[in-house]
Amino acid sequence: MNPLAQLRKWPRAPVLFACFFFASTLPIVALEAPAPELAPGPAAAKPTPQNEGSGPAKAPETAQNPLPSPSTTSHTIRLPGRSLRFRAIASAIRLSDAESLAPKADIATLAFLLEGADPAKRPVTFVINGGPGAASAWLDLGGLGPWRLPLDRASPAPSAPPVTVDNADTWLDFTDLVFIDPPGTGYSRILAKGDETRRHFYSVNGDIEALAVTIRKWLAANKRLVSPKFVVGESYGGFRAPKLARRLQDEEGIGVEGLVLISPVLDFAWFEGANNPLTFATRLPSQAAAARGLAGQDGRAALADVEAYAAGPYVADLLRGERDSQALSRIAENVAGFTGLDPALVRKLGGRVDMATFARERERAAAKVTSLYDARVSGFDPSPHAAQSEYSDPILDAIKTPLASAMADLTGNRLGWPVEARYEVLNESVNHAWDWGGGRGHAEALSDLKRAMALDSSLRVLVAHGVTDQVTPYFASKLLLDQVPLMGDPDRLRLKVYGGGHMPYLDDKSRADLREDARKLIEGK
């Protein structure tokens, strides 16, 4: 998922997209991890040295806790009008230092491969979530994989039964799927002790390097180097995907034919800063969508007046500043009208309604808080009369519990790949440790997207958003994508807005619509 830095401030506002940039450069190579779980001996056979740069001369001390040997199982799911026979491969890719060959990390991968397809023609799609610190279970069991965890979107609960069903909206019909968990998420773990290796993996460049090497080695090990290749990234994963496409092009000898960016962050500067008008202008249409009870593309069409105001008069009046009483009065009246908030509160805020305030105030009279991830959904405020409240997000915090149980059951029982460790659905320690280098406000992936598309005229991109997502609002991507020059066919770059929030695939209709749009992109239609 989607997406997802968790801000544990008042109000308690978990934001799943977070953190950023450079750490020490420790080049890595990769191997399939063959050792059994918690085996005491060496974790990997020594690979042939590869020219991937230089690492430290001295091997770091290593924690001997590798992941299990690969497990391959066969399955059939029966769906309306069709059955799908496929293999599931649960395995780990060993990342090792390029010079010393010392093991650095085991990267857990879960692949679903359709039986009877020609590998040379069959697309393979690599799926990565965000955070940083979020595992791929959100996308796997939420909407793309062969099995789905049915969840009550309107009222999710940690006690929901973690029982999966065959997924009629799986993408397996038109592409093989490989779900990847970066270090510290899912079952993936850092093997080398010491802060240097951890800092490397928990940084933008180190993260992209690790993912690119993992993809290259998976393709080589499974004889899929000639297959059409695609990348799906959600939330911070949507920030990763353009950078990953460039890294694969430039450094790994791998071309990518298409990207699907679900609720992406393309430029963090648009989401940062109490004094940046864009921070508030880009969220206003999604706040209005929630207030109006709108959903999907039809819902976006009904927001034309809000979009026009947000990109024009609203920004202009914010730039005039609070000393202009007439501008402030106009802002208070318009923003209150669009969001349903008290005009006096909006005026007190200077017309700048941040997402945490919107979440706390929208249904405060009913002693409820609104989810940042889908403003249609609300939950109880544990301290409704307090000035400050430590509350859990009604979607993110409720869903992660059954997801963790369902994934552990899937890998350990159905796929025969038991791991004696908990499945890290959302690892906040990764998020908090992330190295942004120049600061999160300077992080952007739009230039990577432009350069990747310019270099490869066949690269196609689908950007997907939920209309009531407050974390990565669709209007930010709309305005940013307008800055991408036309490169041939306009349909190479598409923006789609669905009903729902940060994880639009939790909505039944949106999950089906997203599947259809992804199918068209992958099939070149």
Protein backbone atom coordinates (compact mmCIF):
# COMPACT_ATOMS: atom_id res chain seq x y z
CA MET A 1 0.00 0.00 0.00
CA ASN A 2 -0.21 1.96 -0.76
CA PRO A 3 0.71 3.59 0.37
CA LEU A 4 2.38 5.68 3.71
CA ALA A 5 5.56 8.58 6.94
CA GLN A 6 3.55 7.90 9.91
CA LEU A 7 3.10 11.11 11.83
CA ARG A 8 2.33 10.21 15.42
CA LYS A 9 1.49 13.78 16.35
CA TRP A 10 -1.74 15.46 17.38
CA PRO A 11 -4.11 14.52 15.98
CA ARG A 12 -2.66 11.07 15.50
CA ALA A 13 -2.23 11.13 11.75
CA PRO A 14 -0.55 8.12 10.15
CA VAL A 15 0.64 9.11 6.70
CA LEU A 16 1.79 6.07 4.79
CA PHE A 17 3.83 7.73 2.07
CA ALA A 18 6.74 9.20 3.96
CA CYS A 19 10.53 9.54 4.16
CA PHE A 20 13.85 10.08 1.94
CA PHE A 21 17.42 10.09 0.54
CA PHE A 22 21.12 9.39 0.21
CA ALA A 23 23.17 7.20 2.50
CA SER A 24 26.53 5.50 2.13
CA THR A 25 26.96 3.67 -1.15
CA LEU A 26 27.38 -0.06 -0.58
CA PRO A 27 27.13 -1.84 -3.94
CA ILE A 28 25.36 -5.18 -3.77
CA VAL A 29 24.97 -8.35 -5.73
CA ALA A 30 22.22 -10.89 -5.31
CA LEU A 31 21.67 -14.62 -5.05
CA GLU A 32 18.71 -16.85 -4.38
CA ALA A 33 18.75 -17.41 -0.61
CA PRO A 34 19.01 -21.18 -0.14
CA ALA A 35 19.41 -21.61 3.60
CA PRO A 36 16.64 -22.94 5.85
CA GLU A 37 14.96 -20.71 8.39
CA LEU A 38 17.27 -19.82 11.27
CA ALA A 39 19.97 -22.20 10.04
CA PRO A 40 23.15 -21.65 12.03
CA GLY A 41 25.59 -22.02 9.15
CA PRO A 42 26.56 -19.72 6.27
CA ALA A 43 23.49 -18.32 4.60
CA ALA A 44 24.46 -18.37 0.94
CA ALA A 45 26.77 -20.09 -1.47
CA LYS A 46 29.53 -17.82 -2.70
CA PRO A 47 28.54 -16.26 -6.02
CA THR A 48 30.81 -15.33 -8.88
CA PRO A 49 32.03 -11.78 -8.27
CA GLN A 50 30.29 -9.22 -10.47
CA ASN A 51 31.31 -5.75 -11.53
CA GLU A 52 28.84 -3.76 -9.45
CA GLY A 53 31.24 -1.40 -7.74
CA SER A 54 33.37 -1.76 -4.67
CA GLY A 55 32.26 -2.61 -1.17
CA PRO A 56 34.03 -2.51 2.17
CA ALA A 57 37.19 -4.58 2.36
CA LYS A 58 36.16 -6.14 5.64
CA ALA A 59 32.98 -8.20 5.80
CA PRO A 60 30.52 -6.98 8.42
CA GLU A 61 29.39 -9.19 11.24
CA THR A 62 26.31 -11.09 10.09
CA ALA A 63 23.16 -12.19 11.89
CA GLN A 64 22.55 -15.77 10.76
CA ASN A 65 18.79 -15.71 10.29
CA PRO A 66 18.14 -16.30 6.59
CA LEU A 67 14.74 -16.99 5.08
CA PRO A 68 13.60 -20.51 4.11
CA SER A 69 14.50 -22.26 0.89
CA PRO A 70 12.19 -21.49 -2.06
CA SER A 71 8.81 -23.20 -2.12
CA THR A 72 6.85 -23.84 -5.34
CA THR A 73 3.20 -24.93 -5.19
CA SER A 74 0.44 -25.37 -7.78
CA HIS A 75 -3.03 -23.90 -7.46
CA THR A 76 -6.31 -23.36 -9.27
CA ILE A 77 -8.81 -20.61 -8.55
CA ARG A 78 -12.32 -20.74 -9.97
CA LEU A 79 -13.75 -17.38 -10.92
CA PRO A 80 -16.90 -16.27 -12.75
CA GLY A 81 -16.58 -17.54 -16.31
CA ARG A 82 -13.02 -18.82 -15.96
CA SER A 83 -10.50 -20.84 -13.98
CA LEU A 84 -6.84 -19.97 -13.54
CA ARG A 85 -4.10 -22.57 -13.00
CA PHE A 86 -0.87 -21.13 -11.70
CA ARG A 87 2.31 -21.75 -9.74
CA ALA A 88 3.16 -19.80 -6.62
CA ILE A 89 6.84 -19.35 -5.79
CA ALA A 90 7.75 -18.03 -2.36
CA SER A 91 11.47 -17.30 -2.22
CA ALA A 92 14.16 -14.89 -1.12
CA ILE A 93 16.81 -13.06 -3.08
CA ARG A 94 20.10 -12.74 -1.21
CA LEU A 95 21.75 -9.32 -1.49
CA SER A 96 25.49 -9.49 -0.91
CA ASP A 97 28.39 -7.07 -0.86
CA ALA A 98 29.97 -6.83 -4.31
CA GLU A 99 33.56 -7.18 -3.06
CA SER A 100 33.51 -9.27 0.11
CA LEU A 101 30.40 -11.28 -0.90
CA ALA A 102 29.21 -10.95 2.69
CA PRO A 103 25.42 -11.31 2.94
CA LYS A 104 23.59 -8.02 3.37
CA ALA A 105 19.88 -8.87 3.25
CA ASP A 106 17.28 -11.42 2.26
CA ILE A 107 14.51 -9.94 0.11
CA ALA A 108 11.26 -11.90 0.25
CA THR A 109 9.42 -12.30 -3.04
CA LEU A 110 6.09 -13.93 -3.78
CA ALA A 111 5.43 -14.79 -7.43
CA PHE A 112 2.29 -16.04 -9.14
CA LEU A 113 2.89 -17.49 -12.63
CA LEU A 114 0.11 -18.65 -14.95
CA GLU A 115 0.49 -22.22 -16.21
CA GLY A 116 0.81 -22.89 -19.94
CA ALA A 117 1.88 -19.38 -20.99
CA ASP A 118 4.84 -18.65 -23.27
CA PRO A 119 7.44 -16.98 -20.99
CA ALA A 120 8.83 -14.95 -23.89
CA LYS A 121 5.47 -13.27 -24.49
CA ARG A 122 3.88 -13.41 -21.06
CA PRO A 123 4.19 -10.08 -19.17
CA VAL A 124 5.65 -10.08 -15.67
CA THR A 125 4.75 -7.27 -13.27
CA PHE A 126 6.76 -6.38 -10.17
CA VAL A 127 4.66 -4.94 -7.35
CA ILE A 128 6.04 -2.73 -4.57
CA ASN A 129 4.27 -0.83 -1.84
CA GLY A 130 5.24 2.38 -0.11
CA GLY A 131 5.75 3.73 3.36
CA PRO A 132 8.70 3.57 3.46
CA GLY A 133 8.08 0.59 5.67
CA ALA A 134 4.93 -0.84 4.07
CA ALA A 135 4.82 -4.43 2.82
CA SER A 136 3.25 -5.69 -0.41
CA ALA A 137 0.37 -7.44 1.39
CA TRP A 138 -1.83 -4.39 0.86
CA LEU A 139 -1.65 -4.82 -2.91
CA ASP A 140 -1.40 -8.61 -2.91
CA LEU A 141 -4.38 -9.43 -0.71
CA GLY A 142 -6.09 -6.10 -1.27
CA GLY A 143 -6.74 -6.40 -4.97
CA LEU A 144 -4.09 -7.69 -7.39
CA GLY A 145 -3.20 -11.22 -6.31
CA PRO A 146 -5.12 -14.46 -6.90
CA TRP A 147 -6.57 -14.37 -3.38
CA ARG A 148 -8.20 -11.41 -1.70
CA LEU A 149 -8.97 -10.57 1.90
CA PRO A 150 -12.57 -9.30 1.87
CA LEU A 151 -12.83 -6.28 4.12
CA ASP A 152 -15.72 -4.08 5.15
CA ARG A 153 -14.54 -0.82 3.65
CA ALA A 154 -17.19 1.21 5.47
CA SER A 155 -16.32 -0.21 8.89
CA PRO A 156 -13.00 -2.13 8.92
CA ALA A 157 -11.95 -3.80 12.17
CA PRO A 158 -8.78 -5.47 13.51
CA SER A 159 -10.92 -8.47 14.52
CA ALA A 160 -12.13 -9.09 10.96
CA PRO A 161 -11.63 -12.77 10.01
CA PRO A 162 -8.32 -13.10 8.12
CA VAL A 163 -9.84 -15.55 5.63
CA THR A 164 -9.09 -15.02 1.93
CA VAL A 165 -11.31 -15.75 -1.07
CA ASP A 166 -10.55 -16.32 -4.76
CA ASN A 167 -10.12 -12.88 -6.32
CA ALA A 168 -12.29 -12.27 -9.38
CA ASP A 169 -10.38 -9.03 -10.01
CA THR A 170 -6.88 -10.52 -9.97
CA TRP A 171 -4.45 -9.28 -12.60
CA LEU A 172 -3.14 -12.81 -13.13
CA ASP A 173 -5.30 -13.19 -16.27
CA PHE A 174 -3.06 -10.79 -18.20
CA THR A 175 0.27 -10.71 -16.31
CA ASP A 176 2.39 -12.77 -13.97
CA LEU A 177 2.85 -11.05 -10.62
CA VAL A 178 5.92 -10.74 -8.39
CA PHE A 179 5.39 -9.02 -5.04
CA ILE A 180 8.56 -7.63 -3.44
CA ASP A 181 9.06 -6.55 0.17
CA PRO A 182 12.01 -4.17 0.72
CA PRO A 183 14.29 -4.74 3.72
CA GLY A 184 12.48 -4.36 7.02
CA THR A 185 9.04 -5.03 5.53
CA GLY A 186 7.08 -8.25 5.23
CA TYR A 187 9.55 -11.06 5.89
CA SER A 188 12.54 -9.30 4.32
CA ARG A 189 15.37 -8.71 6.73
CA ILE A 190 18.79 -7.15 6.93
CA LEU A 191 21.41 -9.81 7.70
CA ALA A 192 24.52 -7.69 8.21
CA LYS A 193 24.90 -6.14 11.63
CA GLY A 194 25.83 -2.52 12.09
CA ASP A 195 24.34 0.83 11.25
CA GLU A 196 26.15 1.32 7.93
CA THR A 197 24.21 -1.38 6.08
CA ARG A 198 20.93 -0.34 7.64
CA ARG A 199 21.48 3.29 6.68
CA HIS A 200 22.17 2.19 3.11
CA PHE A 201 18.96 0.20 2.73
CA TYR A 202 16.91 2.82 4.55
CA SER A 203 17.72 5.55 2.05
CA VAL A 204 16.29 6.53 -1.32
CA ASN A 205 19.28 5.53 -3.43
CA GLY A 206 20.09 2.37 -1.46
CA ASP A 207 16.44 1.34 -1.57
CA ILE A 208 16.21 1.76 -5.35
CA GLU A 209 19.50 -0.10 -5.86
CA ALA A 210 18.29 -3.03 -3.75
CA LEU A 211 14.97 -3.26 -5.59
CA ALA A 212 16.61 -3.04 -9.01
CA VAL A 213 19.13 -5.78 -8.21
CA THR A 214 16.34 -7.94 -6.80
CA ILE A 215 14.30 -7.57 -9.99
CA ARG A 216 17.27 -8.33 -12.25
CA LYS A 217 18.24 -11.42 -10.29
CA TRP A 218 14.66 -12.69 -10.11
CA LEU A 219 14.33 -12.35 -13.89
CA ALA A 220 17.62 -14.18 -14.47
CA ALA A 221 16.89 -16.96 -11.98
CA ASN A 222 13.44 -17.60 -13.44
CA LYS A 223 14.52 -17.26 -17.11
CA ARG A 224 12.24 -14.28 -17.72
CA LEU A 225 14.71 -11.72 -19.03
CA VAL A 226 12.96 -11.61 -22.43
CA SER A 227 9.45 -11.21 -20.99
CA PRO A 228 7.62 -7.85 -21.21
CA LYS A 229 8.20 -6.13 -17.86
CA PHE A 230 6.05 -3.76 -15.81
CA VAL A 231 6.27 -2.14 -12.38
CA VAL A 232 3.43 -1.27 -10.01
CA GLY A 233 4.09 1.06 -7.10
CA GLU A 234 1.68 2.38 -4.50
CA SER A 235 2.06 5.60 -2.48
CA TYR A 236 5.80 5.93 -1.79
CA GLY A 237 6.03 2.95 -4.15
CA GLY A 238 4.68 5.34 -6.80
CA PHE A 239 7.64 7.58 -5.97
CA ARG A 240 9.94 4.57 -6.25
CA ALA A 241 8.66 3.29 -9.60
CA PRO A 242 9.95 6.05 -11.94
CA LYS A 243 13.33 6.00 -10.20
CA LEU A 244 13.36 2.21 -10.40
CA ALA A 245 12.58 2.30 -14.12
CA ARG A 246 15.54 4.61 -14.68
CA ARG A 247 17.86 2.51 -12.53
CA LEU A 248 16.84 -0.63 -14.43
CA GLN A 249 17.39 1.16 -17.75
CA ASP A 250 20.71 2.76 -16.84
CA GLU A 251 22.42 0.26 -14.54
CA GLU A 252 20.84 -3.19 -14.78
CA GLY A 253 20.22 -3.65 -18.51
CA ILE A 254 16.46 -4.07 -17.99
CA GLY A 255 13.82 -2.22 -20.00
CA VAL A 256 10.39 -1.58 -18.51
CA GLU A 257 7.38 -1.28 -20.82
CA GLY A 258 4.96 0.28 -18.37
CA LEU A 259 4.38 1.73 -14.91
CA VAL A 260 1.23 1.75 -12.80
CA LEU A 261 1.47 4.38 -10.07
CA ILE A 262 -1.28 4.01 -7.45
CA SER A 263 -1.76 7.06 -5.20
CA PRO A 264 1.82 8.21 -5.89
CA VAL A 265 3.87 11.02 -4.42
CA LEU A 266 5.61 12.60 -7.41
CA ASP A 267 6.98 15.70 -5.67
CA PHE A 268 7.11 16.00 -1.89
CA ALA A 269 7.45 19.79 -2.05
CA TRP A 270 3.77 19.88 -2.97
CA PHE A 271 2.89 18.14 0.30
CA GLU A 272 5.26 19.95 2.66
CA GLY A 273 5.14 23.25 4.47
CA ALA A 274 2.57 25.22 6.40
CA ASN A 275 3.23 28.21 4.14
CA ASN A 276 3.10 26.46 0.77
CA PRO A 277 -0.23 27.25 -0.96
CA LEU A 278 0.04 24.10 -3.09
CA THR A 279 -0.11 21.93 0.03
CA PHE A 280 -3.65 23.13 0.70
CA ALA A 281 -4.82 23.76 -2.86
CA THR A 282 -4.11 20.18 -3.95
CA ARG A 283 -6.12 18.69 -1.05
CA LEU A 284 -9.16 20.93 -1.36
CA PRO A 285 -10.92 18.94 -4.15
CA SER A 286 -10.59 15.68 -2.18
CA GLN A 287 -11.93 17.38 0.94
CA ALA A 288 -14.84 18.70 -1.10
CA ALA A 289 -15.43 15.24 -2.57
CA ALA A 290 -15.84 13.86 0.94
CA ALA A 291 -18.15 16.69 1.96
CA ARG A 292 -20.30 16.16 -1.14
CA GLY A 293 -20.32 12.38 -0.84
CA LEU A 294 -18.79 11.94 -4.28
CA ALA A 295 -16.93 8.98 -5.74
CA GLY A 296 -15.09 7.92 -8.87
CA GLN A 297 -14.58 9.63 -12.22
CA ASP A 298 -18.16 10.89 -12.17
CA GLY A 299 -17.39 12.35 -8.76
CA ARG A 300 -14.36 14.14 -10.14
CA ALA A 301 -16.46 15.61 -12.94
CA ALA A 302 -18.67 17.12 -10.25
CA LEU A 303 -15.60 18.79 -8.73
CA ALA A 304 -14.80 21.01 -11.70
CA ASP A 305 -15.76 24.12 -9.75
CA VAL A 306 -13.52 23.15 -6.83
CA GLU A 307 -10.56 22.35 -9.08
CA ALA A 308 -10.93 25.69 -10.88
CA TYR A 309 -11.08 27.56 -7.58
CA ALA A 310 -8.20 25.62 -6.00
CA ALA A 311 -5.83 26.20 -8.93
CA GLY A 312 -6.79 29.85 -9.37
CA PRO A 313 -8.50 32.22 -6.93
CA TYR A 314 -7.61 30.13 -3.86
CA VAL A 315 -3.87 30.15 -4.53
CA ALA A 316 -4.00 33.81 -5.51
CA ASP A 317 -5.71 34.78 -2.25
CA LEU A 318 -3.35 32.63 -0.18
CA LEU A 319 -0.45 34.48 -1.77
CA ARG A 320 -2.05 37.80 -0.88
CA GLY A 321 -1.71 36.73 2.73
CA GLU A 322 -3.68 37.07 5.93
CA ARG A 323 -3.07 40.82 6.13
CA ASP A 324 -5.47 41.20 3.22
CA SER A 325 -8.75 40.93 5.14
CA GLN A 326 -10.84 40.79 1.98
CA ALA A 327 -8.80 37.89 0.60
CA LEU A 328 -9.07 36.10 3.95
CA SER A 329 -12.84 36.58 4.00
CA ARG A 330 -13.15 35.17 0.49
CA ILE A 331 -11.05 32.15 1.42
CA ALA A 332 -13.00 31.47 4.61
CA GLU A 333 -16.32 31.62 2.80
CA ASN A 334 -15.29 29.45 -0.15
CA VAL A 335 -13.27 26.83 1.73
CA ALA A 336 -15.97 26.46 4.38
CA GLY A 337 -18.55 26.05 1.64
CA PHE A 338 -16.53 23.36 -0.12
CA THR A 339 -15.48 21.39 2.97
CA GLY A 340 -18.48 21.82 5.27
CA LEU A 341 -16.24 23.11 8.06
CA ASP A 342 -17.10 26.02 10.33
CA PRO A 343 -16.23 29.32 8.57
CA ALA A 344 -14.87 30.71 11.85
CA LEU A 345 -12.46 27.77 12.11
CA VAL A 346 -11.38 28.18 8.49
CA ARG A 347 -10.75 31.87 9.04
CA LYS A 348 -8.78 31.14 12.21
CA LEU A 349 -6.62 28.76 10.16
CA GLY A 350 -6.00 31.43 7.55
CA GLY A 351 -7.86 29.34 5.00
CA ARG A 352 -5.27 26.57 5.29
CA VAL A 353 -7.06 23.36 6.26
CA ASP A 354 -4.42 20.68 6.82
CA MET A 355 -5.44 17.04 6.57
CA ALA A 356 -5.13 16.36 10.30
CA THR A 357 -7.49 19.23 11.14
CA PHE A 358 -9.93 18.07 8.48
CA ALA A 359 -9.84 14.54 9.91
CA ARG A 360 -10.52 15.74 13.47
CA GLU A 361 -13.04 18.49 12.79
CA ARG A 362 -15.19 17.13 9.97
CA GLU A 363 -17.30 14.89 12.24
CA ARG A 364 -16.25 16.19 15.63
CA ALA A 365 -19.84 16.99 16.58
CA ALA A 366 -20.56 13.26 16.30
CA ALA A 367 -17.42 12.40 18.34
CA LYS A 368 -15.82 10.80 15.28
CA VAL A 369 -12.62 11.18 13.28
CA THR A 370 -12.29 10.88 9.52
CA SER A 371 -9.75 8.57 7.89
CA LEU A 372 -6.92 10.30 6.09
CA TYR A 373 -6.87 7.38 3.67
CA ASP A 374 -10.52 7.64 2.65
CA ALA A 375 -12.48 10.61 3.93
CA ARG A 376 -15.75 8.74 3.39
CA VAL A 377 -14.86 6.51 6.36
CA SER A 378 -14.90 7.59 9.99
CA GLY A 379 -14.33 6.01 13.40
CA PHE A 380 -14.80 6.91 17.03
CA ASP A 381 -12.59 9.54 18.67
CA PRO A 382 -11.34 8.12 22.00
CA SER A 383 -11.07 11.66 23.44
CA PRO A 384 -13.78 13.64 21.65
CA HIS A 385 -13.86 16.56 24.10
CA ALA A 386 -10.10 16.94 24.47
CA ALA A 387 -8.16 19.65 22.67
CA GLN A 388 -5.69 16.97 21.64
CA SER A 389 -6.47 13.35 20.79
CA GLU A 390 -4.32 10.31 20.10
CA TYR A 391 -6.55 8.40 17.73
CA SER A 392 -6.00 5.55 15.29
CA ASP A 393 -6.79 5.94 11.62
CA PRO A 394 -10.11 4.14 10.96
CA ILE A 395 -8.74 2.43 7.85
CA LEU A 396 -4.97 2.05 8.09
CA ASP A 397 -4.76 0.93 11.70
CA ALA A 398 -7.84 -1.30 11.45
CA ILE A 399 -6.84 -3.16 8.30
CA LYS A 400 -3.20 -3.93 9.01
CA THR A 401 -4.03 -6.52 11.69
CA PRO A 402 -6.11 -8.94 9.56
CA LEU A 403 -3.70 -8.37 6.67
CA ALA A 404 -0.76 -9.58 8.76
CA SER A 405 -2.61 -12.70 9.87
CA ALA A 406 -3.88 -13.47 6.37
CA MET A 407 -0.42 -13.14 4.85
CA ALA A 408 1.18 -15.32 7.51
CA ASP A 409 -1.46 -17.98 6.89
CA LEU A 410 -1.02 -17.73 3.12
CA THR A 411 2.75 -18.13 3.11
CA GLY A 412 3.06 -20.59 5.97
CA ASN A 413 0.15 -22.92 5.22
CA ARG A 414 -1.09 -22.57 1.65
CA LEU A 415 2.30 -21.90 0.06
CA GLY A 416 4.46 -24.04 2.36
CA TRP A 417 6.90 -21.26 3.22
CA PRO A 418 6.74 -20.83 7.02
CA VAL A 419 8.79 -18.04 8.56
CA GLU A 420 9.43 -17.89 12.30
CA ALA A 421 8.97 -14.16 12.50
CA ARG A 422 6.02 -11.81 12.32
CA TYR A 423 5.01 -10.37 8.98
CA GLU A 424 5.76 -6.63 9.07
CA VAL A 425 2.76 -5.09 7.33
CA LEU A 426 3.77 -1.57 8.31
CA ASN A 427 7.13 -1.11 10.01
CA GLU A 428 7.28 2.33 11.56
CA SER A 429 10.91 1.91 12.60
CA VAL A 430 11.89 1.79 8.92
CA ASN A 431 9.90 4.94 8.31
CA HIS A 432 11.42 6.80 11.23
CA ALA A 433 14.97 5.77 10.27
CA TRP A 434 14.65 6.76 6.60
CA ASP A 435 17.49 8.95 5.35
CA TRP A 436 16.16 11.74 3.14
CA GLY A 437 19.54 13.35 2.61
CA GLY A 438 18.60 16.82 1.42
CA GLY A 439 15.28 16.65 3.20
CA ARG A 440 11.93 15.17 2.26
CA GLY A 441 10.73 18.49 0.88
CA HIS A 442 13.35 18.25 -1.89
CA ALA A 443 12.44 14.72 -2.94
CA GLU A 444 10.71 14.29 -6.28
CA ALA A 445 10.29 11.62 -8.94
CA LEU A 446 8.65 13.66 -11.71
CA SER A 447 11.99 14.34 -13.39
CA ASP A 448 12.73 10.59 -13.34
CA LEU A 449 9.36 9.93 -14.95
CA LYS A 450 10.03 12.49 -17.68
CA ARG A 451 13.49 11.13 -18.42
CA ALA A 452 12.36 7.49 -18.47
CA MET A 453 9.53 8.32 -20.88
CA ALA A 454 11.79 10.46 -23.06
CA LEU A 455 14.41 7.72 -23.35
CA ASP A 456 11.91 4.95 -24.12
CA SER A 457 9.10 6.01 -26.46
CA SER A 458 7.31 2.70 -25.75
CA LEU A 459 7.04 3.29 -22.00
CA ARG A 460 3.41 3.76 -20.91
CA VAL A 461 2.23 5.07 -17.55
CA LEU A 462 -1.06 4.81 -15.67
CA VAL A 463 -1.48 7.07 -12.62
CA ALA A 464 -4.39 5.96 -10.42
CA HIS A 465 -5.97 7.79 -7.49
CA GLY A 466 -8.96 7.57 -5.19
CA VAL A 467 -11.03 10.75 -5.16
CA THR A 468 -11.35 10.99 -1.36
CA ASP A 469 -7.69 10.28 -0.49
CA GLN A 470 -6.28 13.00 1.78
CA VAL A 471 -2.76 11.58 2.00
CA THR A 472 -1.78 11.79 -1.68
CA PRO A 473 -4.62 13.75 -3.30
CA TYR A 474 -5.34 13.18 -6.97
CA PHE A 475 -5.26 16.91 -7.78
CA ALA A 476 -1.56 17.11 -6.95
CA SER A 477 -0.80 14.44 -9.55
CA LYS A 478 -3.12 16.13 -12.04
CA LEU A 479 -1.25 19.43 -11.79
CA LEU A 480 2.16 17.75 -11.79
CA LEU A 481 1.40 15.53 -14.79
CA ASP A 482 0.34 18.66 -16.67
CA GLN A 483 4.04 19.63 -16.46
CA VAL A 484 5.12 16.55 -18.43
CA PRO A 485 5.64 17.55 -22.08
CA LEU A 486 3.77 15.71 -24.78
CA MET A 487 5.92 12.80 -25.97
CA GLY A 488 4.13 11.22 -28.89
CA ASP A 489 0.79 9.59 -28.13
CA PRO A 490 -1.02 11.51 -25.34
CA ASP A 491 -2.38 8.20 -24.03
CA ARG A 492 1.14 7.14 -23.01
CA LEU A 493 0.45 8.99 -19.75
CA ARG A 494 -3.00 8.56 -18.24
CA LEU A 495 -4.56 9.80 -15.01
CA LYS A 496 -7.54 7.86 -13.67
CA VAL A 497 -9.56 8.81 -10.60
CA TYR A 498 -11.69 6.15 -8.91
CA GLY A 499 -14.10 5.97 -6.05
CA GLY A 500 -12.37 5.40 -2.75
CA GLY A 501 -9.25 6.63 -1.08
CA HIS A 502 -5.55 5.87 -0.84
CA MET A 503 -6.18 2.18 -1.52
CA PRO A 504 -8.93 2.55 -4.15
CA TYR A 505 -8.92 -1.20 -4.76
CA LEU A 506 -10.69 -1.70 -1.42
CA ASP A 507 -13.82 -0.44 -3.20
CA ASP A 508 -15.43 -3.23 -5.26
CA LYS A 509 -16.19 -1.15 -8.36
CA SER A 510 -12.89 0.70 -8.24
CA ARG A 511 -10.96 -2.57 -7.95
CA ALA A 512 -12.63 -3.83 -11.13
CA ASP A 513 -12.10 -0.50 -12.93
CA LEU A 514 -8.43 -0.36 -11.94
CA ARG A 515 -7.95 -3.92 -13.16
CA GLU A 516 -9.45 -3.04 -16.54
CA ASP A 517 -7.30 0.08 -16.93
CA ALA A 518 -4.17 -1.88 -15.97
CA ARG A 519 -5.08 -4.61 -18.47
CA LYS A 520 -5.34 -2.03 -21.26
CA LEU A 521 -1.96 -0.58 -20.36
CA ILE A 522 -0.22 -3.96 -20.18
CA GLU A 523 -1.85 -5.18 -23.39
CA GLY A 524 -0.97 -1.94 -25.17
CA LYS A 525 -4.54 -0.79 -25.74
